[in-house]
Protein backbone atom coordinates (compact mmCIF):
# COMPACT_ATOMS: atom_id res chain seq x y z
CA MET A 1 29.83 -77.84 -15.85
CA LEU A 2 30.00 -75.16 -18.48
CA GLY A 3 26.26 -74.62 -18.22
CA LYS A 4 26.46 -74.15 -14.48
CA ARG A 5 29.31 -71.62 -14.85
CA ARG A 6 27.35 -69.63 -17.43
CA GLN A 7 24.34 -69.58 -15.19
CA ALA A 8 26.47 -68.39 -12.24
CA ASP A 9 28.06 -65.64 -14.37
CA LEU A 10 24.67 -64.49 -15.59
CA ALA A 11 23.34 -64.41 -12.02
CA THR A 12 26.34 -62.37 -10.87
CA LEU A 13 25.93 -59.92 -13.77
CA LEU A 14 22.22 -59.45 -12.99
CA GLU A 15 22.98 -58.79 -9.33
CA GLN A 16 25.59 -56.16 -10.27
CA GLN A 17 23.17 -54.44 -12.64
CA GLN A 18 20.44 -54.38 -10.00
CA LYS A 19 22.84 -52.95 -7.41
CA GLY A 20 24.02 -50.28 -9.81
CA HIS A 21 20.44 -49.40 -10.73
CA VAL A 22 19.49 -49.01 -7.07
CA ALA A 23 22.60 -46.95 -6.37
CA SER A 24 21.86 -44.63 -9.28
CA HIS A 25 18.31 -44.13 -8.01
CA SER A 26 19.43 -43.42 -4.45
CA ALA A 27 22.19 -41.04 -5.55
CA PHE A 28 19.85 -38.44 -7.06
CA PRO A 29 16.66 -38.34 -4.99
CA THR A 30 16.65 -34.54 -4.74
CA GLU A 31 16.95 -34.09 -8.46
CA LYS A 32 13.99 -36.37 -9.12
CA ALA A 33 11.92 -34.64 -6.45
CA GLN A 34 12.66 -31.26 -8.01
CA MET A 35 11.67 -32.52 -11.44
CA ALA A 36 8.48 -33.99 -10.02
CA GLY A 37 7.71 -30.71 -8.24
CA CYS A 38 8.29 -28.65 -11.40
CA SER A 39 6.14 -31.00 -13.44
CA GLY A 40 3.42 -30.77 -10.78
CA ILE A 41 3.50 -26.96 -10.91
CA ARG A 42 3.36 -26.95 -14.70
CA GLU A 43 0.48 -29.41 -14.63
CA PHE A 44 -1.35 -27.30 -12.06
CA MET A 45 -0.93 -24.07 -14.02
CA GLY A 46 -1.95 -25.77 -17.22
CA SER A 47 -5.05 -27.44 -15.81
CA ARG A 48 -6.32 -24.53 -13.65
CA PRO A 49 -5.15 -21.17 -15.06
CA PRO A 50 -7.57 -18.97 -13.02
CA VAL A 51 -6.43 -20.53 -9.75
CA ALA A 52 -2.78 -20.11 -10.79
CA VAL A 53 -3.28 -16.44 -11.66
CA PHE A 54 -5.10 -15.85 -8.36
CA PHE A 55 -2.30 -17.54 -6.42
CA ALA A 56 0.36 -15.47 -8.20
CA SER A 57 -1.58 -12.24 -7.52
CA ILE A 58 -1.83 -13.03 -3.80
CA ALA A 59 1.90 -13.82 -3.67
CA VAL A 60 2.84 -10.55 -5.38
CA PHE A 61 0.52 -8.58 -3.09
CA ALA A 62 2.03 -10.22 -0.01
CA LEU A 63 5.58 -9.46 -1.18
CA THR A 64 4.59 -5.84 -1.86
CA LEU A 65 3.18 -5.46 1.65
CA VAL A 66 6.36 -6.91 3.13
CA SER A 67 8.43 -4.43 1.09
CA VAL A 68 6.28 -1.53 2.32
CA SER A 69 6.68 -2.69 5.90
CA LEU A 70 10.47 -2.87 5.52
CA TYR A 71 10.50 0.63 3.99
CA LEU A 72 8.48 2.00 6.91
CA GLN A 73 10.87 0.35 9.34
CA SER A 74 13.92 1.92 7.69
CA HIS A 75 12.28 5.40 7.37
CA LYS A 76 10.30 5.38 10.59
CA THR A 77 10.83 9.06 11.39
CA GLN A 78 10.72 10.40 7.82
CA ILE A 79 7.18 9.54 6.69
CA LEU A 80 5.09 12.62 5.94
CA ASN A 81 1.64 12.80 7.50
CA PRO A 82 -0.90 12.67 4.62
CA ASP A 83 -3.78 13.81 6.86
CA ILE A 84 -2.24 17.23 7.49
CA GLU A 85 -1.66 19.90 4.86
CA ASP A 86 1.58 21.51 5.92
CA TRP A 87 2.93 24.85 4.81
CA ASN A 88 5.35 23.30 2.34
CA SER A 89 2.43 21.77 0.42
CA PHE A 90 0.73 25.17 0.43
CA TYR A 91 3.93 26.81 -0.83
CA ASN A 92 4.19 24.26 -3.64
CA THR A 93 0.61 25.06 -4.68
CA LEU A 94 1.43 28.77 -4.83
CA SER A 95 4.63 28.11 -6.76
CA ASN A 96 2.66 26.26 -9.45
CA LEU A 97 0.67 29.43 -10.16
CA GLU A 98 1.58 32.17 -12.58
CA ILE A 99 1.40 35.91 -11.94
CA CYS A 100 -0.35 38.17 -14.39
CA PHE A 101 0.81 41.80 -14.31
CA PRO A 102 -2.00 43.74 -16.04
CA ASN A 103 -1.38 46.96 -17.88
CA GLN A 104 -2.41 50.20 -16.19
CA TYR A 105 -5.53 50.80 -18.29
CA SER A 106 -6.48 47.25 -19.22
CA PRO A 107 -9.99 45.87 -18.45
CA ARG A 108 -8.36 43.25 -16.21
CA MET A 109 -6.93 45.97 -13.96
CA ALA A 110 -10.34 47.65 -13.61
CA LYS A 111 -11.95 44.34 -12.71
CA MET A 112 -9.28 43.63 -10.09
CA ARG A 113 -9.71 47.06 -8.50
CA ARG A 114 -13.49 46.56 -8.35
CA SER A 115 -13.10 43.16 -6.67
CA GLU A 116 -10.65 44.65 -4.18
CA ARG A 117 -13.21 47.26 -3.13
CA GLU A 118 -15.88 44.57 -2.66
CA LEU A 119 -13.62 42.42 -0.45
CA PRO A 120 -13.80 43.15 3.31
CA SER A 121 -10.69 45.05 4.29
CA ILE A 122 -9.44 42.85 7.12
CA ALA A 123 -5.74 43.22 6.42
CA SER A 124 -5.85 46.97 7.10
CA SER A 125 -7.16 46.36 10.60
CA VAL A 126 -4.17 44.24 11.61
CA PRO A 127 -1.72 46.23 13.73
CA PRO A 128 1.93 46.23 12.66
CA THR A 129 3.08 44.58 15.87
CA MET A 130 1.02 41.40 16.04
CA SER A 131 1.20 39.35 19.19
CA SER A 132 -0.11 36.33 17.28
CA ASN A 133 0.05 35.34 13.64
CA MET A 134 -3.68 34.51 13.48
CA THR A 135 -6.74 36.61 14.35
CA ASN A 136 -10.48 36.10 13.86
CA ASP A 137 -12.99 38.68 12.71
CA ALA A 138 -16.76 38.98 12.57
CA THR A 139 -17.06 37.20 9.23
CA ASP A 140 -15.22 34.07 10.44
CA ASN A 141 -12.20 34.95 8.34
CA VAL A 142 -8.66 34.67 9.64
CA THR A 143 -5.56 36.71 8.99
CA VAL A 144 -2.22 34.93 8.97
CA SER A 145 1.15 36.59 8.42
CA VAL A 146 4.22 34.45 7.74
CA MET A 147 7.79 34.91 6.61
CA ALA A 148 8.90 32.94 3.55
CA ASP A 149 11.58 32.89 0.89
CA VAL A 150 9.81 34.36 -2.14
CA HIS A 151 11.21 34.95 -5.61
CA VAL A 152 9.09 36.83 -8.18
CA LEU A 153 10.09 37.23 -11.81
CA LYS A 154 8.60 39.75 -14.25
CA SER A 155 9.89 39.73 -17.81
CA GLN A 156 12.83 37.60 -16.64
CA HIS A 157 13.78 40.25 -14.05
CA SER A 158 13.49 39.88 -10.28
CA LEU A 159 11.23 42.22 -8.38
CA PHE A 160 12.41 43.99 -5.22
CA GLY A 161 10.89 46.43 -2.76
CA VAL A 162 7.29 46.22 -4.03
CA THR A 163 4.04 44.93 -2.55
CA LEU A 164 1.94 42.55 -4.62
CA HIS A 165 -1.75 42.10 -3.92
CA ALA A 166 -3.97 39.37 -5.37
CA VAL A 167 -7.31 37.70 -4.72
CA LEU A 168 -6.98 33.93 -5.17
CA PRO A 169 -10.14 31.86 -5.75
CA ALA A 170 -10.52 28.65 -3.78
CA SER A 171 -10.75 26.72 -7.06
CA HIS A 172 -7.08 27.52 -7.72
CA LEU A 173 -6.25 25.76 -4.43
CA GLY A 174 -7.98 22.53 -5.44
CA LEU A 175 -11.45 23.32 -4.01
CA LYS A 176 -13.42 23.49 -7.24
CA ARG A 177 -16.92 24.02 -5.79
CA ASP A 178 -15.89 26.47 -3.08
CA PRO A 179 -16.91 30.07 -3.90
CA SER A 180 -14.67 31.62 -1.23
CA VAL A 181 -11.50 33.56 -1.99
CA LEU A 182 -8.17 34.17 -0.28
CA ASP A 183 -6.72 37.66 -0.13
CA ILE A 184 -2.91 37.59 -0.49
CA THR A 185 -0.47 40.45 0.11
CA MET A 186 3.24 39.88 -0.56
CA GLN A 187 5.76 42.48 0.57
CA LEU A 188 8.98 41.66 -1.25
CA PRO A 189 12.41 42.52 0.20
CA THR A 190 14.54 45.36 -1.11
CA LYS A 191 17.68 44.97 -3.16
CA LYS A 192 19.78 45.77 -0.11
CA SER A 193 18.47 42.67 1.63
CA LYS A 194 20.80 39.68 1.42
CA LYS A 195 17.96 37.18 1.65
CA TRP A 196 14.77 36.59 -0.31
CA VAL A 197 12.69 36.75 2.86
CA ALA A 198 9.29 38.33 2.24
CA CYS A 199 6.26 38.94 4.43
CA LEU A 200 3.10 37.20 3.27
CA LEU A 201 -0.30 38.20 4.61
CA PHE A 202 -3.25 35.86 3.99
CA THR A 203 -6.84 36.84 4.72
CA GLY A 204 -9.74 34.47 4.17
CA PRO A 205 -11.56 31.38 5.50
CA ALA A 206 -9.49 29.13 7.72
CA HIS A 207 -10.09 26.02 5.60
CA LEU A 208 -8.13 27.59 2.73
CA LEU A 209 -4.99 27.77 4.85
CA PRO A 210 -2.82 24.89 6.13
CA ASN A 211 -3.94 23.12 9.31
CA SER A 212 -0.41 22.24 10.34
CA PRO A 213 0.65 22.44 13.99
CA ILE A 214 4.06 23.68 12.78
CA THR A 215 3.79 27.26 11.53
CA PRO A 216 6.40 29.58 10.00
CA PRO A 217 7.55 32.63 11.94
CA ASN A 218 5.13 35.53 11.82
CA CYS A 219 5.88 38.97 10.51
CA SER A 220 4.26 42.38 10.13
CA LEU A 221 3.89 44.45 7.00
CA SER A 222 6.08 47.52 6.90
CA MET A 223 4.21 50.81 7.25
CA GLN A 224 6.64 52.54 4.87
CA SER A 225 5.09 53.54 1.58
CA SER A 226 6.07 51.01 -1.06
CA LYS A 227 4.76 50.57 -4.55
CA LYS A 228 1.67 48.36 -4.55
CA ILE A 229 0.93 46.33 -7.66
CA GLU A 230 -2.38 44.62 -8.28
CA VAL A 231 -1.75 41.19 -9.84
CA GLU A 232 -3.70 38.06 -10.60
CA LEU A 233 -2.62 34.57 -9.60
CA GLY A 234 -3.66 31.60 -11.68
CA GLY A 235 -3.14 30.40 -15.21
CA GLY A 236 -5.08 29.62 -18.35
CA TRP A 237 -5.18 25.93 -17.48
CA LEU A 238 -6.83 26.82 -14.14
CA ALA A 239 -9.17 29.60 -15.18
CA GLY A 240 -10.30 27.76 -18.31
CA ASP A 241 -9.43 30.81 -20.40
CA SER A 242 -7.15 30.32 -23.39
CA GLU A 243 -6.61 34.11 -23.56
CA TRP A 244 -5.58 34.42 -19.91
CA CYS A 245 -3.11 37.30 -19.54
CA GLN A 246 -2.70 37.47 -23.31
CA ASN A 247 -2.11 41.21 -23.62
CA ASP A 248 -0.40 41.57 -20.25
CA VAL A 249 2.86 40.43 -18.70
CA VAL A 250 3.15 36.91 -17.29
CA GLY A 251 5.50 36.36 -14.37
CA SER A 252 6.44 33.51 -12.07
CA LEU A 253 6.18 33.00 -8.34
CA THR A 254 8.44 30.71 -6.32
CA VAL A 255 7.98 30.12 -2.59
CA MET A 256 10.77 27.95 -1.22
CA PRO A 257 9.76 25.11 1.14
CA LYS A 258 11.64 24.44 4.36
CA ASP A 259 12.38 21.11 5.99
CA GLU A 260 11.43 22.32 9.44
CA LEU A 261 7.84 22.88 8.25
CA ASN A 262 7.26 19.22 7.34
CA VAL A 263 4.86 17.24 9.55
CA TYR A 264 5.86 13.59 9.97
CA LEU A 265 4.01 10.58 11.29
CA THR A 266 4.78 9.60 14.86
CA GLU A 267 6.48 6.29 15.63
CA GLY A 268 3.23 5.04 17.14
CA ASP A 269 1.37 5.71 13.88
CA VAL A 270 4.06 3.93 11.86
CA THR A 271 3.94 0.95 14.23
CA LEU A 272 0.15 0.78 13.87
CA ILE A 273 0.47 0.77 10.08
CA GLN A 274 3.03 -2.03 10.28
CA MET A 275 0.69 -4.07 12.48
CA HIS A 276 -2.12 -3.73 9.95
CA ILE A 277 0.26 -4.76 7.18
CA LEU A 278 1.33 -7.78 9.26
CA TYR A 279 -2.27 -8.88 9.80
CA THR A 280 -3.04 -8.53 6.11
CA THR A 281 0.09 -10.45 5.14
CA CYS A 282 -0.82 -13.29 7.51
CA LEU A 283 -4.29 -13.46 5.98
CA LEU A 284 -2.78 -13.66 2.51
CA GLY A 285 -0.43 -16.41 3.71
CA VAL A 286 -3.39 -18.43 5.01
CA MET A 287 -5.11 -18.01 1.64
CA MET A 288 -1.97 -19.22 -0.17
CA LEU A 289 -1.72 -22.23 2.16
CA GLY A 290 -5.36 -23.09 1.47
CA ILE A 291 -4.73 -22.98 -2.27
CA LEU A 292 -1.72 -25.29 -1.87
CA LEU A 293 -3.77 -27.75 0.19
CA TYR A 294 -6.45 -27.65 -2.44
CA LEU A 295 -3.80 -28.41 -5.06
CA VAL A 296 -2.38 -31.41 -3.19
CA CYS A 297 -5.73 -32.87 -2.13
CA GLY A 298 -7.26 -32.24 -5.52
CA ARG A 299 -4.49 -34.12 -7.30
CA ARG A 300 -4.71 -37.07 -4.93
CA CYS A 301 -8.49 -37.26 -5.18
CA ALA A 302 -8.28 -37.07 -8.97
CA THR A 303 -5.70 -39.89 -9.00
CA LEU A 304 -7.89 -42.09 -6.78
CA ARG A 305 -10.96 -41.46 -8.91
CA SER A 306 -9.10 -42.29 -12.11
CA HIS A 307 -7.71 -45.50 -10.56
CA GLN A 308 -11.16 -46.56 -9.39
CA ALA A 309 -12.56 -45.89 -12.84
CA VAL A 310 -9.88 -48.05 -14.48
CA VAL A 311 -10.54 -50.90 -12.04
CA ALA A 312 -14.28 -50.70 -12.65
CA VAL A 313 -13.87 -50.79 -16.42
CA ALA A 314 -11.35 -53.71 -16.45
CA PRO A 315 -12.97 -57.10 -17.20
CA ASP A 316 -13.08 -59.73 -14.45
CA LYS A 317 -10.57 -62.53 -14.66
CA VAL A 318 -12.17 -65.94 -15.14
CA PRO A 319 -10.16 -68.89 -13.72
CA LEU A 320 -9.21 -71.49 -16.33
CA ASN A 321 -9.43 -74.42 -13.93
CA PRO A 322 -12.48 -73.87 -11.74
């Protein structure tokens, strides 16, 4: 009797342990799946580093494209058009230049006067009351007059009521192999003026000037006699001369940009860019999916091959009682 009771107790205890073991396994299936997934990823990255790096690069590229698309969506009407050089970009280029005020009897002044005589005098043929801010001449040059907020400093003092004239090479505008030049005349406002509005007159090839459809208001140079100063625009880092304006006075030029002169992309252009980004992101997603399928199928095929190899190597079982 005692033996039967012990056997019954042992059977009951084994059943309870089995039930508890099954319950513990069924209580945490997600945790085990997560551990298996993490171990699979670690195994994949450890066994195939180039594939892992390629997969990570595609994922980062796809996330970057999605971020760019979201940025375009939130700033749809504030994206500048990179295909058009607007007047603000041209003003920024001029503001990065320095002004050299040569002395009266310096060799630089004589050279500038000689170059002024050799340049075709197109600006003098422009009437004071211009019906348009752009005219063509026989040499395919154009003359453009615009109003802009200009601030010129000479020896830390602002200049007023003078006219500055300079000949700017195309290389100073970013066109290094272009031999053409741009003639610039700046008529600065007087001290009585409450604003820094000056009249700028540009004469030269059309490709040196902005091709923006939005242009500043035009102006006309005053016929009143004002002091004209011959200056040079540039800088030693542009002219390649370490002694640029060494014995003369160096000044600064600031042309203030205006928001109304910016040229933005249209909503149709932004939508087209977003569509291209969407197509590229989908292609990257397909590539990532292919890599994941390769990972899953490759692991399963490797497991099957290893199992078949173990079965082939194992010795055959010989029955003891044939």
